[in-house]
Amino acid sequence: MKSKTTFTLNSENITKAFQNTFNSVQSTRLKVTSTAGKEYINLPLIFALVLAIVLPILIVVAIIISIVTNLTISFERENKATAHHISE
């Protein structure tokens, strides 16, 4: 038995998709930490993306440095529902 899935593409769905993507990028941070836990860089992802577009060599240098010095590059997203629940 085959099932059929239909996706409707309209302006409302497109707008929601862009809004969800933007909200996700806004709540994500780029962190560079050592194995001991010391934090070297903590940037909003949107700012990191702008830097990557303006200075693409910066990304290559950062990756090489992280490999050589055993640093961890991570993307962390705050769950707004959890943060709201904790603050109550």
C-alpha atoms as a PDB file:
ATOM      1  CA  MET A   1       0.000   0.000   0.000  1.00  0.00           C
ATOM      2  CA  LYS A   2       1.297   3.380  -0.960  1.00  0.00           C
ATOM      3  CA  SER A   3       0.429   6.456   0.992  1.00  0.00           C
ATOM      4  CA  LYS A   4       0.308   9.887  -0.524  1.00  0.00           C
ATOM      5  CA  THR A   5       1.703  12.957   1.199  1.00  0.00           C
ATOM      6  CA  THR A   6       0.723  16.375  -0.035  1.00  0.00           C
ATOM      7  CA  PHE A   7       2.572  19.555   0.830  1.00  0.00           C
ATOM      8  CA  THR A   8       0.768  22.816   0.323  1.00  0.00           C
ATOM      9  CA  LEU A   9       3.004  25.741  -0.510  1.00  0.00           C
ATOM     10  CA  ASN A  10       1.517  29.143   0.158  1.00  0.00           C
ATOM     11  CA  SER A  11       2.659  32.461   1.554  1.00  0.00           C
ATOM     12  CA  GLU A  12       1.591  31.578   5.101  1.00  0.00           C
ATOM     13  CA  ASN A  13       3.657  28.371   5.151  1.00  0.00           C
ATOM     14  CA  ILE A  14       6.671  30.123   3.649  1.00  0.00           C
ATOM     15  CA  THR A  15       6.436  32.965   6.176  1.00  0.00           C
ATOM     16  CA  LYS A  16       6.189  30.515   9.085  1.00  0.00           C
ATOM     17  CA  ALA A  17       9.198  28.572   7.805  1.00  0.00           C
ATOM     18  CA  PHE A  18      11.333  31.719   7.549  1.00  0.00           C
ATOM     19  CA  GLN A  19      10.201  32.886  10.996  1.00  0.00           C
ATOM     20  CA  ASN A  20      10.988  29.509  12.571  1.00  0.00           C
ATOM     21  CA  THR A  21      14.412  29.460  10.916  1.00  0.00           C
ATOM     22  CA  PHE A  22      15.185  33.009  12.045  1.00  0.00           C
ATOM     23  CA  ASN A  23      14.068  32.241  15.616  1.00  0.00           C
ATOM     24  CA  SER A  24      16.245  29.145  15.635  1.00  0.00           C
ATOM     25  CA  VAL A  25      19.290  31.105  14.443  1.00  0.00           C
ATOM     26  CA  GLN A  26      18.622  33.855  17.009  1.00  0.00           C
ATOM     27  CA  SER A  27      18.530  31.415  19.915  1.00  0.00           C
ATOM     28  CA  THR A  28      21.719  29.579  18.876  1.00  0.00           C
ATOM     29  CA  ARG A  29      25.190  30.532  20.073  1.00  0.00           C
ATOM     30  CA  LEU A  30      28.624  29.516  18.798  1.00  0.00           C
ATOM     31  CA  LYS A  31      30.989  28.519  21.593  1.00  0.00           C
ATOM     32  CA  VAL A  32      34.668  27.621  21.496  1.00  0.00           C
ATOM     33  CA  THR A  33      35.873  25.898  24.648  1.00  0.00           C
ATOM     34  CA  SER A  34      38.917  23.971  25.806  1.00  0.00           C
ATOM     35  CA  THR A  35      38.753  20.400  27.030  1.00  0.00           C
ATOM     36  CA  ALA A  36      39.184  21.787  30.563  1.00  0.00           C
ATOM     37  CA  GLY A  37      35.997  23.808  30.152  1.00  0.00           C
ATOM     38  CA  LYS A  38      37.505  27.268  29.694  1.00  0.00           C
ATOM     39  CA  GLU A  39      35.351  29.315  27.303  1.00  0.00           C
ATOM     40  CA  TYR A  40      37.235  31.332  24.667  1.00  0.00           C
ATOM     41  CA  ILE A  41      34.481  32.497  22.318  1.00  0.00           C
ATOM     42  CA  ASN A  42      30.747  32.824  22.896  1.00  0.00           C
ATOM     43  CA  LEU A  43      28.968  34.547  19.997  1.00  0.00           C
ATOM     44  CA  PRO A  44      25.406  34.668  18.736  1.00  0.00           C
ATOM     45  CA  LEU A  45      25.181  32.472  15.639  1.00  0.00           C
ATOM     46  CA  ILE A  46      23.879  35.340  13.491  1.00  0.00           C
ATOM     47  CA  PHE A  47      27.028  37.357  14.294  1.00  0.00           C
ATOM     48  CA  ALA A  48      29.234  34.329  13.561  1.00  0.00           C
ATOM     49  CA  LEU A  49      27.499  33.870  10.201  1.00  0.00           C
ATOM     50  CA  VAL A  50      28.051  37.524   9.292  1.00  0.00           C
ATOM     51  CA  LEU A  51      31.735  37.189  10.202  1.00  0.00           C
ATOM     52  CA  ALA A  52      31.967  34.019   8.093  1.00  0.00           C
ATOM     53  CA  ILE A  53      30.480  35.807   5.090  1.00  0.00           C
ATOM     54  CA  VAL A  54      32.662  38.904   5.458  1.00  0.00           C
ATOM     55  CA  LEU A  55      35.859  37.058   6.428  1.00  0.00           C
ATOM     56  CA  PRO A  56      35.644  33.450   5.156  1.00  0.00           C
ATOM     57  CA  ILE A  57      39.334  32.828   5.863  1.00  0.00           C
ATOM     58  CA  LEU A  58      38.493  33.330   9.543  1.00  0.00           C
ATOM     59  CA  ILE A  59      36.479  30.087   9.539  1.00  0.00           C
ATOM     60  CA  VAL A  60      39.354  28.121   8.018  1.00  0.00           C
ATOM     61  CA  VAL A  61      41.839  29.544  10.535  1.00  0.00           C
ATOM     62  CA  ALA A  62      39.463  28.863  13.449  1.00  0.00           C
ATOM     63  CA  ILE A  63      38.980  25.228  12.403  1.00  0.00           C
ATOM     64  CA  ILE A  64      42.722  24.665  11.991  1.00  0.00           C
ATOM     65  CA  ILE A  65      43.452  26.249  15.382  1.00  0.00           C
ATOM     66  CA  SER A  66      40.737  24.172  17.060  1.00  0.00           C
ATOM     67  CA  ILE A  67      42.161  20.953  15.608  1.00  0.00           C
ATOM     68  CA  VAL A  68      45.757  21.788  16.547  1.00  0.00           C
ATOM     69  CA  THR A  69      44.964  23.018  20.074  1.00  0.00           C
ATOM     70  CA  ASN A  70      42.233  20.457  20.846  1.00  0.00           C
ATOM     71  CA  LEU A  71      39.458  23.047  21.245  1.00  0.00           C
ATOM     72  CA  THR A  72      35.777  22.227  20.945  1.00  0.00           C
ATOM     73  CA  ILE A  73      33.485  24.217  18.648  1.00  0.00           C
ATOM     74  CA  SER A  74      29.842  23.814  19.596  1.00  0.00           C
ATOM     75  CA  PHE A  75      26.484  25.294  18.719  1.00  0.00           C
ATOM     76  CA  GLU A  76      24.176  25.660  21.689  1.00  0.00           C
ATOM     77  CA  ARG A  77      20.516  26.550  21.501  1.00  0.00           C
ATOM     78  CA  GLU A  78      18.498  27.726  24.466  1.00  0.00           C
ATOM     79  CA  ASN A  79      15.109  26.084  24.702  1.00  0.00           C
ATOM     80  CA  LYS A  80      12.808  29.044  25.310  1.00  0.00           C
ATOM     81  CA  ALA A  81      10.032  26.911  26.806  1.00  0.00           C
ATOM     82  CA  THR A  82      12.427  25.526  29.419  1.00  0.00           C
ATOM     83  CA  ALA A  83      13.945  28.938  30.146  1.00  0.00           C
ATOM     84  CA  HIS A  84      10.493  30.432  30.622  1.00  0.00           C
ATOM     85  CA  HIS A  85       9.462  27.583  32.912  1.00  0.00           C
ATOM     86  CA  ILE A  86      12.607  27.906  35.053  1.00  0.00           C
ATOM     87  CA  SER A  87      12.212  31.660  35.504  1.00  0.00           C
ATOM     88  CA  GLU A  88       8.671  31.314  36.924  1.00  0.00           C
END
